[in-house]
Protein backbone atom coordinates (compact mmCIF):
# COMPACT_ATOMS: atom_id res chain seq x y z
CA MET A 1 6.23 -12.37 24.26
CA SER A 2 4.34 -12.34 27.51
CA ALA A 3 1.31 -10.10 27.98
CA ARG A 4 2.91 -8.88 31.23
CA VAL A 5 5.40 -6.91 29.14
CA PHE A 6 2.63 -4.41 28.46
CA GLU A 7 1.60 -4.23 32.13
CA THR A 8 5.03 -3.31 33.50
CA PRO A 9 5.57 0.45 33.81
CA ARG A 10 8.79 1.90 32.47
CA PRO A 11 10.28 5.40 32.51
CA VAL A 12 9.17 7.71 29.70
CA PRO A 13 11.89 7.58 27.02
CA GLY A 14 13.47 10.71 25.61
CA ARG A 15 12.13 12.29 22.44
CA LEU A 16 15.45 13.15 20.83
CA VAL A 17 16.39 9.83 19.20
CA PRO A 18 12.89 9.11 17.78
CA ALA A 19 12.61 12.69 16.46
CA LEU A 20 16.03 12.41 14.83
CA ALA A 21 15.06 9.09 13.23
CA GLY A 22 11.91 10.61 11.73
CA SER A 23 13.84 13.69 10.62
CA ALA A 24 16.39 11.45 8.92
CA VAL A 25 13.59 9.87 6.89
CA VAL A 26 12.42 13.30 5.75
CA ALA A 27 15.98 14.36 4.89
CA LEU A 28 16.74 11.14 3.01
CA ALA A 29 13.53 11.50 1.02
CA LEU A 30 14.84 14.65 -0.71
CA PRO A 31 17.44 12.88 -2.91
CA VAL A 32 14.83 10.21 -3.71
CA PHE A 33 12.41 12.91 -4.85
CA VAL A 34 15.08 14.60 -6.96
CA ALA A 35 16.25 11.34 -8.58
CA ALA A 36 12.72 10.07 -9.24
CA GLY A 37 11.44 13.41 -10.54
CA TRP A 38 8.66 13.54 -7.98
CA PRO A 39 7.14 16.91 -7.01
CA LEU A 40 9.57 18.75 -4.75
CA ARG A 41 6.67 20.78 -3.40
CA GLY A 42 5.38 17.55 -1.86
CA TRP A 43 8.67 16.97 -0.08
CA LEU A 44 8.78 20.62 1.02
CA LEU A 45 5.26 20.38 2.43
CA ALA A 46 6.12 17.18 4.31
CA ALA A 47 9.32 18.71 5.68
CA THR A 48 7.50 21.87 6.77
CA LEU A 49 4.72 19.92 8.47
CA TRP A 50 7.29 17.62 10.09
CA ILE A 51 9.22 20.55 11.56
CA ALA A 52 6.01 22.25 12.70
CA GLY A 53 4.78 19.02 14.32
CA GLU A 54 8.07 18.46 16.10
CA LEU A 55 8.14 22.04 17.38
CA PHE A 56 4.58 21.63 18.65
CA ALA A 57 5.55 18.36 20.37
CA LEU A 58 8.55 20.09 21.92
CA LEU A 59 6.28 22.83 23.25
CA LEU A 60 3.91 20.23 24.70
CA ALA A 61 6.81 18.33 26.29
CA ARG A 62 7.64 21.44 28.31
CA LEU A 63 4.31 21.13 30.15
CA PRO A 64 4.74 19.33 33.49
CA LEU A 65 3.20 15.92 34.08
CA GLY A 66 2.01 14.32 37.28
CA THR A 67 -0.95 14.31 39.62
CA GLY A 68 -0.06 17.79 40.90
CA ASN A 69 -0.42 19.27 37.40
CA LEU A 70 -3.74 17.96 36.12
CA ALA A 71 -4.45 21.01 33.96
CA ALA A 72 -1.04 20.85 32.29
CA ALA A 73 -1.33 17.10 31.83
CA GLY A 74 -4.76 17.57 30.25
CA MET A 75 -3.42 20.23 27.91
CA ARG A 76 -0.58 17.92 26.96
CA GLY A 77 -3.00 15.10 26.17
CA ILE A 78 -5.33 17.31 24.15
CA GLY A 79 -2.38 18.89 22.34
CA THR A 80 -0.89 15.53 21.47
CA SER A 81 -4.24 14.34 20.12
CA SER A 82 -4.82 17.51 18.13
CA ARG A 83 -1.35 17.29 16.54
CA ALA A 84 -2.75 14.79 14.03
CA LEU A 85 -5.48 17.26 13.05
CA LEU A 86 -3.02 20.12 12.72
CA ILE A 87 -0.98 18.01 10.31
CA GLY A 88 -3.85 16.26 8.57
CA ILE A 89 -5.92 19.30 7.63
CA PRO A 90 -3.19 20.92 5.46
CA LEU A 91 -2.38 17.54 3.92
CA VAL A 92 -5.99 16.98 2.91
CA ALA A 93 -6.38 20.54 1.63
CA VAL A 94 -3.26 20.29 -0.52
CA THR A 95 -4.25 16.84 -1.78
CA VAL A 96 -7.61 18.20 -2.91
CA ALA A 97 -5.87 21.06 -4.73
CA ASP A 98 -2.98 19.02 -6.19
CA GLU A 99 -3.19 15.28 -5.76
CA ALA A 100 0.44 14.49 -6.68
CA VAL A 101 1.87 17.02 -4.22
CA GLY A 102 -0.49 16.03 -1.41
CA LEU A 103 0.07 12.31 -1.80
CA ALA A 104 3.84 12.74 -1.95
CA ALA A 105 3.77 14.83 1.22
CA ALA A 106 1.46 12.38 2.99
CA ILE A 107 3.68 9.41 2.14
CA VAL A 108 6.86 11.12 3.37
CA TYR A 109 5.17 12.30 6.56
CA ALA A 110 3.62 8.87 7.22
CA LEU A 111 6.98 7.14 6.78
CA ALA A 112 8.72 9.61 9.09
CA PHE A 113 5.98 9.27 11.71
CA SER A 114 6.08 5.47 11.50
CA ILE A 115 9.84 5.41 12.03
CA GLU A 116 9.56 7.85 14.93
CA LEU A 117 6.89 5.67 16.53
CA ALA A 118 8.86 2.46 16.00
CA VAL A 119 12.02 3.95 17.54
CA SER A 120 9.97 5.26 20.48
CA LEU A 121 8.51 1.82 21.11
CA VAL A 122 11.92 0.15 20.90
CA GLU A 123 13.31 2.70 23.36
CA TYR A 124 10.38 2.25 25.73
CA PHE A 125 10.33 -1.54 25.76
CA GLY A 126 14.13 -1.71 25.75
CA GLN A 127 14.31 -0.05 29.16
CA GLU A 128 14.31 -1.83 32.49
CA ALA A 129 10.92 -2.00 34.12
CA ARG A 130 10.28 0.14 37.19
CA ALA A 131 9.80 -1.68 40.43
């Protein structure tokens, strides 16, 4: 793969397909938790944080981008960066209180996030480059 692949701008891909892929991971984790006897509260926490994170991302996506909207673009950048903190703080707090629940939630959330990121990257690099 050529290094120029990373230098070529492409249109911003949609958020729907990556969000659905991550949501599918969370949904498919429920029967695994039930069958394995893992703490359902861990799955519930991961699902709740996933939904909250996606709603927050949806809210941020409504902010306009571009050079004419520097304040909105800055808010979008700060909001996207703080999303990890907004998810991570409850995960750490629950893990301190109940290690099994917190670790189960963290694993489900991390898997869902990883799939969402991978699908986003495939969508981005699968598009035609802008001229």
